[in-house]
Amino acid sequence: MALCIQLYCRYGAASVVGSTSHLKTPILMARSGRISRAFALSIAFVLLVALVVIAEIGQNDQKEINHVINLSQERQVLMAELLSELSDAEAGQRGFLLTSDQNYLVSYQAARDRVEPTLDHLTDLFRDNDKLLMTLEQRDSVRHLRTLVGTGLGELAASLALYTQQQPEQALALVRTDLGSRTMGE
């Protein structure tokens, strides 16, 4: 009995009577561990969702960048085609003026007939769902290009018209003005 009183004085009534607090500690720790794991999983899930959203946004941005790059490449290809068509028309015109061979005239006409559709296709590459997507500078450049092409084709047609009107010397004089080369140079 004296031992119980000593324990009572030293450690308190709960330790002598048979406290169950030592049993509650593992249960609380187990509950606390489950709560912190659930909390950690919740945070991991939120982070995962955030990463998926960020990746989707990045992928959409990349698609838009790829679309712009593809349009730019298509425009460059069309510009090269246009230059080739104009060169073919000029070669046909000059070949006809020098030789009177109708094959050159056919070559000229075929190239000339491809120019306008190529210009239209180039302009269409600046549209999206019939909405014009062009800066003022681009619009002015396309207009200037159309003017230059019209001038070049006009010079070719004028020299051919002079030639067919029995004025070959005047046709060659027009070619010698180098208007076509200066126009192509711009």
N, C-alpha and C. Protein backbone atom coordinates (compact mmCIF):
# COMPACT_ATOMS: atom_id res chain seq x y z
N MET A 1 0.83 -1.17 0.00
CA MET A 1 0.00 0.00 0.00
C MET A 1 0.88 1.24 0.00
N ALA A 2 1.92 1.21 0.74
CA ALA A 2 2.82 2.33 0.81
C ALA A 2 3.40 2.62 -0.58
N LEU A 3 3.61 1.56 -1.35
CA LEU A 3 4.12 1.73 -2.71
C LEU A 3 3.10 2.46 -3.57
N CYS A 4 1.84 2.12 -3.41
CA CYS A 4 0.77 2.77 -4.19
C CYS A 4 0.70 4.24 -3.83
N ILE A 5 0.85 4.57 -2.59
CA ILE A 5 0.78 5.98 -2.18
C ILE A 5 1.97 6.72 -2.75
N GLN A 6 3.12 6.12 -2.71
CA GLN A 6 4.30 6.76 -3.27
C GLN A 6 4.11 6.99 -4.78
N LEU A 7 3.63 6.01 -5.47
CA LEU A 7 3.38 6.16 -6.91
C LEU A 7 2.32 7.22 -7.17
N TYR A 8 1.31 7.24 -6.31
CA TYR A 8 0.23 8.22 -6.45
C TYR A 8 0.79 9.62 -6.31
N CYS A 9 1.64 9.83 -5.37
CA CYS A 9 2.21 11.15 -5.13
C CYS A 9 3.17 11.54 -6.25
N ARG A 10 3.91 10.58 -6.68
CA ARG A 10 4.92 10.89 -7.67
C ARG A 10 4.35 11.04 -9.08
N TYR A 11 3.46 10.17 -9.52
CA TYR A 11 3.01 10.14 -10.92
C TYR A 11 1.56 10.54 -11.11
N GLY A 12 0.82 10.71 -10.12
CA GLY A 12 -0.58 11.12 -10.23
C GLY A 12 -1.51 9.94 -10.15
N ALA A 13 -2.77 10.23 -9.99
CA ALA A 13 -3.77 9.20 -9.74
C ALA A 13 -3.97 8.32 -10.96
N ALA A 14 -3.84 8.87 -12.13
CA ALA A 14 -4.15 8.11 -13.33
C ALA A 14 -3.19 6.95 -13.51
N SER A 15 -1.92 7.13 -13.19
CA SER A 15 -0.97 6.06 -13.41
C SER A 15 -1.15 4.94 -12.40
N VAL A 16 -1.64 5.26 -11.25
CA VAL A 16 -1.81 4.23 -10.24
C VAL A 16 -3.10 3.46 -10.48
N VAL A 17 -4.14 4.16 -10.84
CA VAL A 17 -5.44 3.53 -10.99
C VAL A 17 -5.47 2.69 -12.26
N GLY A 18 -4.64 2.96 -13.17
CA GLY A 18 -4.62 2.17 -14.40
C GLY A 18 -5.10 2.98 -15.59
N SER A 19 -4.40 3.98 -15.89
CA SER A 19 -4.76 4.88 -16.98
C SER A 19 -4.69 4.15 -18.32
N THR A 20 -5.57 4.56 -19.26
CA THR A 20 -5.58 3.96 -20.59
C THR A 20 -4.95 4.89 -21.62
N SER A 21 -4.31 5.94 -21.15
CA SER A 21 -3.72 6.90 -22.10
C SER A 21 -2.62 6.25 -22.92
N HIS A 22 -1.94 5.28 -22.37
CA HIS A 22 -0.90 4.60 -23.12
C HIS A 22 -1.49 3.79 -24.28
N LEU A 23 -2.76 3.43 -24.19
CA LEU A 23 -3.43 2.73 -25.27
C LEU A 23 -3.92 3.68 -26.36
N LYS A 24 -4.25 4.91 -25.99
CA LYS A 24 -4.78 5.89 -26.94
C LYS A 24 -3.70 6.40 -27.88
N THR A 25 -2.49 6.45 -27.48
CA THR A 25 -1.41 7.01 -28.28
C THR A 25 -1.25 6.29 -29.61
N PRO A 26 -1.16 4.96 -29.70
CA PRO A 26 -1.04 4.31 -31.01
C PRO A 26 -2.26 4.53 -31.89
N ILE A 27 -3.45 4.58 -31.29
CA ILE A 27 -4.65 4.81 -32.09
C ILE A 27 -4.62 6.21 -32.69
N LEU A 28 -4.27 7.20 -31.90
CA LEU A 28 -4.17 8.57 -32.40
C LEU A 28 -3.10 8.68 -33.46
N MET A 29 -1.99 7.99 -33.27
CA MET A 29 -0.92 8.03 -34.25
C MET A 29 -1.37 7.38 -35.56
N ALA A 30 -2.13 6.31 -35.49
CA ALA A 30 -2.61 5.64 -36.69
C ALA A 30 -3.59 6.55 -37.43
N ARG A 31 -4.50 7.19 -36.68
CA ARG A 31 -5.43 8.12 -37.31
C ARG A 31 -4.68 9.31 -37.92
N SER A 32 -3.73 9.81 -37.22
CA SER A 32 -2.95 10.96 -37.70
C SER A 32 -2.17 10.59 -38.96
N GLY A 33 -1.63 9.37 -39.01
CA GLY A 33 -0.91 8.90 -40.18
C GLY A 33 -1.83 8.77 -41.39
N ARG A 34 -3.06 8.26 -41.16
CA ARG A 34 -4.02 8.14 -42.25
C ARG A 34 -4.43 9.52 -42.78
N ILE A 35 -4.61 10.44 -41.87
CA ILE A 35 -5.01 11.80 -42.28
C ILE A 35 -3.90 12.46 -43.08
N SER A 36 -2.66 12.34 -42.64
CA SER A 36 -1.56 12.97 -43.38
C SER A 36 -1.32 12.29 -44.73
N ARG A 37 -1.54 10.97 -44.82
CA ARG A 37 -1.43 10.31 -46.11
C ARG A 37 -2.55 10.76 -47.06
N ALA A 38 -3.75 10.86 -46.55
CA ALA A 38 -4.87 11.33 -47.36
C ALA A 38 -4.62 12.77 -47.82
N PHE A 39 -4.09 13.58 -46.93
CA PHE A 39 -3.77 14.96 -47.29
C PHE A 39 -2.68 15.01 -48.36
N ALA A 40 -1.67 14.19 -48.21
CA ALA A 40 -0.57 14.15 -49.18
C ALA A 40 -1.09 13.66 -50.54
N LEU A 41 -1.96 12.66 -50.54
CA LEU A 41 -2.54 12.17 -51.79
C LEU A 41 -3.42 13.23 -52.45
N SER A 42 -4.14 13.98 -51.65
CA SER A 42 -4.97 15.06 -52.19
C SER A 42 -4.10 16.12 -52.86
N ILE A 43 -3.04 16.49 -52.21
CA ILE A 43 -2.12 17.49 -52.78
C ILE A 43 -1.47 16.94 -54.05
N ALA A 44 -1.09 15.69 -54.05
CA ALA A 44 -0.49 15.08 -55.24
C ALA A 44 -1.48 15.07 -56.39
N PHE A 45 -2.74 14.77 -56.09
CA PHE A 45 -3.77 14.76 -57.14
C PHE A 45 -3.98 16.17 -57.70
N VAL A 46 -4.04 17.16 -56.85
CA VAL A 46 -4.20 18.55 -57.31
C VAL A 46 -3.01 18.95 -58.18
N LEU A 47 -1.80 18.58 -57.77
CA LEU A 47 -0.61 18.89 -58.57
C LEU A 47 -0.65 18.17 -59.92
N LEU A 48 -1.12 16.94 -59.92
CA LEU A 48 -1.23 16.18 -61.16
C LEU A 48 -2.22 16.86 -62.11
N VAL A 49 -3.36 17.25 -61.59
CA VAL A 49 -4.35 17.96 -62.42
C VAL A 49 -3.76 19.25 -62.96
N ALA A 50 -3.04 19.99 -62.12
CA ALA A 50 -2.41 21.24 -62.56
C ALA A 50 -1.40 20.98 -63.67
N LEU A 51 -0.62 19.93 -63.55
CA LEU A 51 0.35 19.59 -64.60
C LEU A 51 -0.33 19.22 -65.91
N VAL A 52 -1.43 18.49 -65.82
CA VAL A 52 -2.17 18.13 -67.03
C VAL A 52 -2.72 19.38 -67.71
N VAL A 53 -3.26 20.30 -66.92
CA VAL A 53 -3.80 21.55 -67.48
C VAL A 53 -2.68 22.35 -68.13
N ILE A 54 -1.56 22.47 -67.47
CA ILE A 54 -0.42 23.22 -68.02
C ILE A 54 0.08 22.56 -69.31
N ALA A 55 0.15 21.24 -69.32
CA ALA A 55 0.60 20.54 -70.53
C ALA A 55 -0.38 20.76 -71.68
N GLU A 56 -1.66 20.75 -71.40
CA GLU A 56 -2.68 20.98 -72.44
C GLU A 56 -2.56 22.39 -73.01
N ILE A 57 -2.37 23.35 -72.14
CA ILE A 57 -2.20 24.74 -72.60
C ILE A 57 -0.95 24.84 -73.47
N GLY A 58 0.13 24.23 -73.02
CA GLY A 58 1.37 24.24 -73.81
C GLY A 58 1.20 23.56 -75.15
N GLN A 59 0.45 22.47 -75.17
CA GLN A 59 0.22 21.75 -76.43
C GLN A 59 -0.62 22.59 -77.39
N ASN A 60 -1.63 23.27 -76.87
CA ASN A 60 -2.44 24.14 -77.72
C ASN A 60 -1.61 25.29 -78.28
N ASP A 61 -0.75 25.86 -77.45
CA ASP A 61 0.14 26.92 -77.92
C ASP A 61 1.07 26.40 -79.00
N GLN A 62 1.59 25.18 -78.81
CA GLN A 62 2.48 24.59 -79.80
C GLN A 62 1.76 24.34 -81.11
N LYS A 63 0.49 23.90 -81.04
CA LYS A 63 -0.30 23.69 -82.25
C LYS A 63 -0.46 25.00 -83.01
N GLU A 64 -0.71 26.08 -82.29
CA GLU A 64 -0.88 27.39 -82.93
C GLU A 64 0.43 27.84 -83.58
N ILE A 65 1.54 27.63 -82.90
CA ILE A 65 2.84 27.99 -83.45
C ILE A 65 3.12 27.16 -84.71
N ASN A 66 2.83 25.87 -84.66
CA ASN A 66 3.03 25.02 -85.83
C ASN A 66 2.17 25.47 -87.00
N HIS A 67 0.94 25.88 -86.70
CA HIS A 67 0.04 26.37 -87.75
C HIS A 67 0.63 27.62 -88.42
N VAL A 68 1.13 28.53 -87.62
CA VAL A 68 1.73 29.76 -88.17
C VAL A 68 2.97 29.43 -89.00
N ILE A 69 3.78 28.51 -88.54
CA ILE A 69 4.98 28.11 -89.28
C ILE A 69 4.58 27.47 -90.61
N ASN A 70 3.58 26.59 -90.58
CA ASN A 70 3.13 25.95 -91.82
C ASN A 70 2.60 26.97 -92.83
N LEU A 71 1.83 27.94 -92.35
CA LEU A 71 1.34 28.99 -93.24
C LEU A 71 2.50 29.77 -93.85
N SER A 72 3.48 30.09 -93.04
CA SER A 72 4.64 30.82 -93.53
C SER A 72 5.38 30.02 -94.59
N GLN A 73 5.54 28.74 -94.36
CA GLN A 73 6.23 27.89 -95.34
C GLN A 73 5.42 27.78 -96.63
N GLU A 74 4.10 27.67 -96.52
CA GLU A 74 3.25 27.61 -97.71
C GLU A 74 3.36 28.92 -98.51
N ARG A 75 3.41 30.03 -97.80
CA ARG A 75 3.54 31.32 -98.48
C ARG A 75 4.87 31.40 -99.22
N GLN A 76 5.93 30.92 -98.60
CA GLN A 76 7.24 30.94 -99.26
C GLN A 76 7.24 30.06 -100.50
N VAL A 77 6.60 28.90 -100.40
CA VAL A 77 6.53 28.00 -101.56
C VAL A 77 5.75 28.68 -102.69
N LEU A 78 4.64 29.32 -102.35
CA LEU A 78 3.84 30.00 -103.37
C LEU A 78 4.60 31.17 -103.99
N MET A 79 5.36 31.87 -103.19
CA MET A 79 6.18 32.97 -103.74
C MET A 79 7.20 32.42 -104.72
N ALA A 80 7.81 31.29 -104.40
CA ALA A 80 8.76 30.67 -105.31
C ALA A 80 8.06 30.20 -106.59
N GLU A 81 6.86 29.63 -106.44
CA GLU A 81 6.09 29.22 -107.62
C GLU A 81 5.74 30.42 -108.49
N LEU A 82 5.34 31.52 -107.86
CA LEU A 82 4.99 32.72 -108.59
C LEU A 82 6.19 33.25 -109.38
N LEU A 83 7.33 33.29 -108.73
CA LEU A 83 8.55 33.74 -109.41
C LEU A 83 8.88 32.83 -110.58
N SER A 84 8.73 31.52 -110.39
CA SER A 84 9.00 30.56 -111.46
C SER A 84 8.02 30.76 -112.62
N GLU A 85 6.74 30.97 -112.30
CA GLU A 85 5.74 31.19 -113.35
C GLU A 85 6.04 32.46 -114.14
N LEU A 86 6.44 33.51 -113.44
CA LEU A 86 6.77 34.76 -114.13
C LEU A 86 8.01 34.58 -115.01
N SER A 87 8.98 33.85 -114.49
CA SER A 87 10.18 33.58 -115.29
C SER A 87 9.84 32.74 -116.52
N ASP A 88 8.97 31.75 -116.35
CA ASP A 88 8.54 30.92 -117.48
C ASP A 88 7.81 31.77 -118.53
N ALA A 89 6.95 32.67 -118.05
CA ALA A 89 6.22 33.54 -118.99
C ALA A 89 7.19 34.44 -119.75
N GLU A 90 8.17 34.98 -119.04
CA GLU A 90 9.15 35.84 -119.68
C GLU A 90 10.01 35.06 -120.68
N ALA A 91 10.40 33.85 -120.30
CA ALA A 91 11.20 33.02 -121.21
C ALA A 91 10.39 32.68 -122.47
N GLY A 92 9.13 32.37 -122.30
CA GLY A 92 8.28 32.08 -123.45
C GLY A 92 8.11 33.30 -124.35
N GLN A 93 7.91 34.44 -123.74
CA GLN A 93 7.76 35.68 -124.51
C GLN A 93 9.03 35.99 -125.31
N ARG A 94 10.15 35.92 -124.67
CA ARG A 94 11.42 36.24 -125.35
C ARG A 94 11.74 35.21 -126.42
N GLY A 95 11.49 33.94 -126.10
CA GLY A 95 11.72 32.89 -127.11
C GLY A 95 10.87 33.13 -128.34
N PHE A 96 9.63 33.51 -128.14
CA PHE A 96 8.75 33.77 -129.28
C PHE A 96 9.22 34.99 -130.07
N LEU A 97 9.60 36.05 -129.35
CA LEU A 97 10.06 37.28 -130.04
C LEU A 97 11.31 37.02 -130.87
N LEU A 98 12.17 36.15 -130.39
CA LEU A 98 13.43 35.90 -131.10
C LEU A 98 13.28 34.88 -132.22
N THR A 99 12.35 33.94 -132.07
CA THR A 99 12.29 32.84 -133.05
C THR A 99 10.98 32.74 -133.82
N SER A 100 9.94 33.40 -133.36
CA SER A 100 8.59 33.31 -133.93
C SER A 100 8.02 31.89 -133.83
N ASP A 101 8.59 31.09 -132.97
CA ASP A 101 8.13 29.72 -132.75
C ASP A 101 6.93 29.74 -131.81
N GLN A 102 5.80 29.20 -132.27
CA GLN A 102 4.56 29.21 -131.50
C GLN A 102 4.65 28.41 -130.19
N ASN A 103 5.58 27.47 -130.11
CA ASN A 103 5.75 26.70 -128.88
C ASN A 103 6.12 27.62 -127.71
N TYR A 104 6.92 28.64 -128.00
CA TYR A 104 7.28 29.60 -126.95
C TYR A 104 6.05 30.39 -126.51
N LEU A 105 5.20 30.72 -127.44
CA LEU A 105 3.99 31.46 -127.12
C LEU A 105 3.04 30.61 -126.25
N VAL A 106 2.96 29.33 -126.53
CA VAL A 106 2.14 28.42 -125.72
C VAL A 106 2.70 28.36 -124.30
N SER A 107 4.02 28.28 -124.18
CA SER A 107 4.68 28.26 -122.88
C SER A 107 4.38 29.55 -122.11
N TYR A 108 4.44 30.68 -122.80
CA TYR A 108 4.14 31.98 -122.19
C TYR A 108 2.70 31.99 -121.67
N GLN A 109 1.77 31.57 -122.51
CA GLN A 109 0.36 31.61 -122.14
C GLN A 109 0.05 30.69 -120.96
N ALA A 110 0.65 29.52 -120.95
CA ALA A 110 0.43 28.58 -119.85
C ALA A 110 0.94 29.16 -118.52
N ALA A 111 2.12 29.74 -118.56
CA ALA A 111 2.69 30.34 -117.35
C ALA A 111 1.85 31.54 -116.91
N ARG A 112 1.45 32.37 -117.86
CA ARG A 112 0.64 33.55 -117.55
C ARG A 112 -0.69 33.14 -116.91
N ASP A 113 -1.28 32.07 -117.39
CA ASP A 113 -2.56 31.61 -116.86
C ASP A 113 -2.46 31.04 -115.44
N ARG A 114 -1.26 30.62 -115.05
CA ARG A 114 -1.07 30.09 -113.69
C ARG A 114 -0.80 31.19 -112.66
N VAL A 115 -0.43 32.39 -113.11
CA VAL A 115 -0.03 33.45 -112.19
C VAL A 115 -1.19 33.91 -111.30
N GLU A 116 -2.33 34.22 -111.87
CA GLU A 116 -3.46 34.76 -111.10
C GLU A 116 -3.95 33.76 -110.04
N PRO A 117 -4.14 32.48 -110.39
CA PRO A 117 -4.54 31.53 -109.33
C PRO A 117 -3.50 31.42 -108.21
N THR A 118 -2.23 31.51 -108.56
CA THR A 118 -1.19 31.46 -107.53
C THR A 118 -1.29 32.68 -106.61
N LEU A 119 -1.49 33.84 -107.19
CA LEU A 119 -1.67 35.05 -106.37
C LEU A 119 -2.91 34.94 -105.48
N ASP A 120 -3.99 34.41 -106.02
CA ASP A 120 -5.20 34.23 -105.22
C ASP A 120 -4.97 33.25 -104.08
N HIS A 121 -4.27 32.17 -104.37
CA HIS A 121 -3.97 31.18 -103.32
C HIS A 121 -3.10 31.82 -102.24
N LEU A 122 -2.15 32.62 -102.65
CA LEU A 122 -1.29 33.31 -101.69
C LEU A 122 -2.13 34.23 -100.79
N THR A 123 -3.04 34.96 -101.37
CA THR A 123 -3.92 35.84 -100.59
C THR A 123 -4.79 35.01 -99.65
N ASP A 124 -5.26 33.86 -100.11
CA ASP A 124 -6.09 33.00 -99.28
C ASP A 124 -5.35 32.50 -98.04
N LEU A 125 -4.04 32.41 -98.13
CA LEU A 125 -3.27 31.96 -96.97
C LEU A 125 -3.24 33.00 -95.86
N PHE A 126 -3.76 34.18 -96.14
CA PHE A 126 -3.87 35.22 -95.12
C PHE A 126 -5.30 35.29 -94.58
N ARG A 127 -6.11 34.30 -94.91
CA ARG A 127 -7.50 34.27 -94.45
C ARG A 127 -7.70 33.07 -93.52
N ASP A 128 -8.66 33.24 -92.61
CA ASP A 128 -9.08 32.14 -91.75
C ASP A 128 -10.59 32.23 -91.63
N ASN A 129 -11.28 31.25 -92.19
CA ASN A 129 -12.75 31.24 -92.22
C ASN A 129 -13.30 32.54 -92.82
N ASP A 130 -12.79 32.90 -93.97
CA ASP A 130 -13.19 34.10 -94.71
C ASP A 130 -12.93 35.40 -93.96
N LYS A 131 -12.13 35.35 -92.94
CA LYS A 131 -11.74 36.55 -92.20
C LYS A 131 -10.29 36.85 -92.57
N LEU A 132 -10.05 38.07 -93.01
CA LEU A 132 -8.72 38.44 -93.45
C LEU A 132 -7.80 38.58 -92.24
N LEU A 133 -6.73 37.81 -92.21
CA LEU A 133 -5.76 37.85 -91.11
C LEU A 133 -4.44 38.39 -91.64
N MET A 134 -4.38 39.69 -91.78
CA MET A 134 -3.22 40.28 -92.41
C MET A 134 -2.92 41.60 -91.71
N THR A 135 -1.65 41.83 -91.43
CA THR A 135 -1.29 43.13 -90.90
C THR A 135 -1.37 44.14 -92.04
N LEU A 136 -1.35 45.40 -91.69
CA LEU A 136 -1.38 46.44 -92.72
C LEU A 136 -0.17 46.33 -93.64
N GLU A 137 0.97 46.01 -93.06
CA GLU A 137 2.19 45.85 -93.86
C GLU A 137 2.06 44.69 -94.84
N GLN A 138 1.51 43.58 -94.37
CA GLN A 138 1.32 42.42 -95.25
C GLN A 138 0.32 42.74 -96.35
N ARG A 139 -0.76 43.43 -95.99
CA ARG A 139 -1.77 43.79 -96.99
C ARG A 139 -1.15 44.68 -98.06
N ASP A 140 -0.34 45.66 -97.63
CA ASP A 140 0.32 46.54 -98.59
C ASP A 140 1.31 45.77 -99.46
N SER A 141 1.99 44.81 -98.86
CA SER A 141 2.95 43.99 -99.62
C SER A 141 2.24 43.16 -100.69
N VAL A 142 1.10 42.57 -100.33
CA VAL A 142 0.36 41.77 -101.30
C VAL A 142 -0.17 42.66 -102.42
N ARG A 143 -0.66 43.84 -102.06
CA ARG A 143 -1.14 44.79 -103.10
C ARG A 143 0.02 45.20 -104.02
N HIS A 144 1.16 45.49 -103.42
CA HIS A 144 2.33 45.89 -104.21
C HIS A 144 2.77 44.74 -105.12
N LEU A 145 2.73 43.54 -104.60
CA LEU A 145 3.09 42.36 -105.39
C LEU A 145 2.15 42.21 -106.58
N ARG A 146 0.86 42.37 -106.34
CA ARG A 146 -0.11 42.28 -107.44
C ARG A 146 0.17 43.36 -108.49
N THR A 147 0.51 44.56 -108.04
CA THR A 147 0.82 45.65 -108.98
C THR A 147 2.05 45.31 -109.80
N LEU A 148 3.10 44.81 -109.14
CA LEU A 148 4.32 44.44 -109.85
C LEU A 148 4.07 43.33 -110.86
N VAL A 149 3.31 42.33 -110.44
CA VAL A 149 3.01 41.21 -111.35
C VAL A 149 2.22 41.72 -112.54
N GLY A 150 1.24 42.58 -112.27
CA GLY A 150 0.45 43.16 -113.37
C GLY A 150 1.31 43.96 -114.32
N THR A 151 2.25 44.73 -113.79
CA THR A 151 3.16 45.52 -114.62
C THR A 151 4.03 44.61 -115.48
N GLY A 152 4.58 43.58 -114.85
CA GLY A 152 5.44 42.65 -115.59
C GLY A 152 4.69 41.92 -116.69
N LEU A 153 3.50 41.41 -116.35
CA LEU A 153 2.72 40.71 -117.37
C LEU A 153 2.24 41.68 -118.45
N GLY A 154 1.97 42.92 -118.07
CA GLY A 154 1.56 43.94 -119.06
C GLY A 154 2.67 44.22 -120.06
N GLU A 155 3.90 44.29 -119.56
CA GLU A 155 5.05 44.51 -120.46
C GLU A 155 5.21 43.34 -121.40
N LEU A 156 5.05 42.13 -120.88
CA LEU A 156 5.17 40.95 -121.74
C LEU A 156 4.09 40.94 -122.82
N ALA A 157 2.86 41.23 -122.41
CA ALA A 157 1.75 41.24 -123.37
C ALA A 157 1.91 42.35 -124.40
N ALA A 158 2.39 43.52 -123.96
CA ALA A 158 2.56 44.65 -124.89
C ALA A 158 3.60 44.32 -125.96
N SER A 159 4.70 43.71 -125.53
CA SER A 159 5.73 43.38 -126.52
C SER A 159 5.23 42.32 -127.50
N LEU A 160 4.44 41.37 -127.02
CA LEU A 160 3.87 40.36 -127.92
C LEU A 160 2.85 40.99 -128.87
N ALA A 161 2.07 41.92 -128.37
CA ALA A 161 1.09 42.60 -129.22
C ALA A 161 1.80 43.38 -130.32
N LEU A 162 2.88 44.08 -129.98
CA LEU A 162 3.65 44.82 -130.99
C LEU A 162 4.20 43.87 -132.04
N TYR A 163 4.73 42.75 -131.58
CA TYR A 163 5.32 41.79 -132.50
C TYR A 163 4.28 41.25 -133.48
N THR A 164 3.09 40.89 -132.93
CA THR A 164 2.05 40.32 -133.80
C THR A 164 1.44 41.37 -134.73
N GLN A 165 1.65 42.65 -134.43
CA GLN A 165 1.16 43.73 -135.31
C GLN A 165 2.23 44.12 -136.33
N GLN A 166 3.13 43.22 -136.57
CA GLN A 166 4.20 43.41 -137.55
C GLN A 166 5.15 44.54 -137.17
N GLN A 167 5.41 44.67 -135.88
CA GLN A 167 6.36 45.68 -135.41
C GLN A 167 7.40 45.02 -134.50
N PRO A 168 8.14 44.06 -135.05
CA PRO A 168 9.09 43.31 -134.22
C PRO A 168 10.19 44.19 -133.64
N GLU A 169 10.62 45.20 -134.35
CA GLU A 169 11.69 46.06 -133.83
C GLU A 169 11.20 46.84 -132.60
N GLN A 170 9.98 47.31 -132.64
CA GLN A 170 9.44 48.03 -131.49
C GLN A 170 9.23 47.08 -130.31
N ALA A 171 8.84 45.85 -130.60
CA ALA A 171 8.67 44.85 -129.55
C ALA A 171 10.01 44.57 -128.87
N LEU A 172 11.05 44.41 -129.66
CA LEU A 172 12.38 44.17 -129.09
C LEU A 172 12.89 45.40 -128.35
N ALA A 173 12.56 46.59 -128.85
CA ALA A 173 12.96 47.82 -128.15
C ALA A 173 12.29 47.89 -126.77
N LEU A 174 11.03 47.48 -126.71
CA LEU A 174 10.34 47.45 -125.41
C LEU A 174 11.02 46.47 -124.46
N VAL A 175 11.42 45.31 -124.98
CA VAL A 175 12.11 44.33 -124.15
C VAL A 175 13.44 44.90 -123.66
N ARG A 176 14.12 45.65 -124.50
CA ARG A 176 15.43 46.22 -124.15
C ARG A 176 15.34 47.32 -123.09
N THR A 177 14.15 47.85 -122.86
CA THR A 177 14.01 48.86 -121.80
C THR A 177 14.25 48.26 -120.43
N ASP A 178 14.24 46.95 -120.35
CA ASP A 178 14.48 46.22 -119.10
C ASP A 178 13.41 46.47 -118.04
N LEU A 179 12.24 46.91 -118.46
CA LEU A 179 11.14 47.12 -117.51
C LEU A 179 10.79 45.81 -116.79
N GLY A 180 10.75 44.72 -117.53
CA GLY A 180 10.44 43.42 -116.94
C GLY A 180 11.46 43.00 -115.90
N SER A 181 12.73 43.20 -116.19
CA SER A 181 13.78 42.81 -115.23
C SER A 181 13.74 43.68 -113.98
N ARG A 182 13.51 44.96 -114.17
CA ARG A 182 13.43 45.85 -113.01
C ARG A 182 12.22 45.50 -112.15
N THR A 183 11.12 45.16 -112.80
CA THR A 183 9.93 44.77 -112.06
C THR A 183 10.17 43.48 -111.29
N MET A 184 10.80 42.52 -111.93
CA MET A 184 11.10 41.24 -111.28
C MET A 184 12.07 41.45 -110.11
N GLY A 185 12.95 42.43 -110.25
CA GLY A 185 13.93 42.71 -109.21
C GLY A 185 13.29 43.25 -107.93
N GLU A 186 12.15 43.91 -108.09
CA GLU A 186 11.48 44.46 -106.91
C GLU A 186 10.80 43.35 -106.17
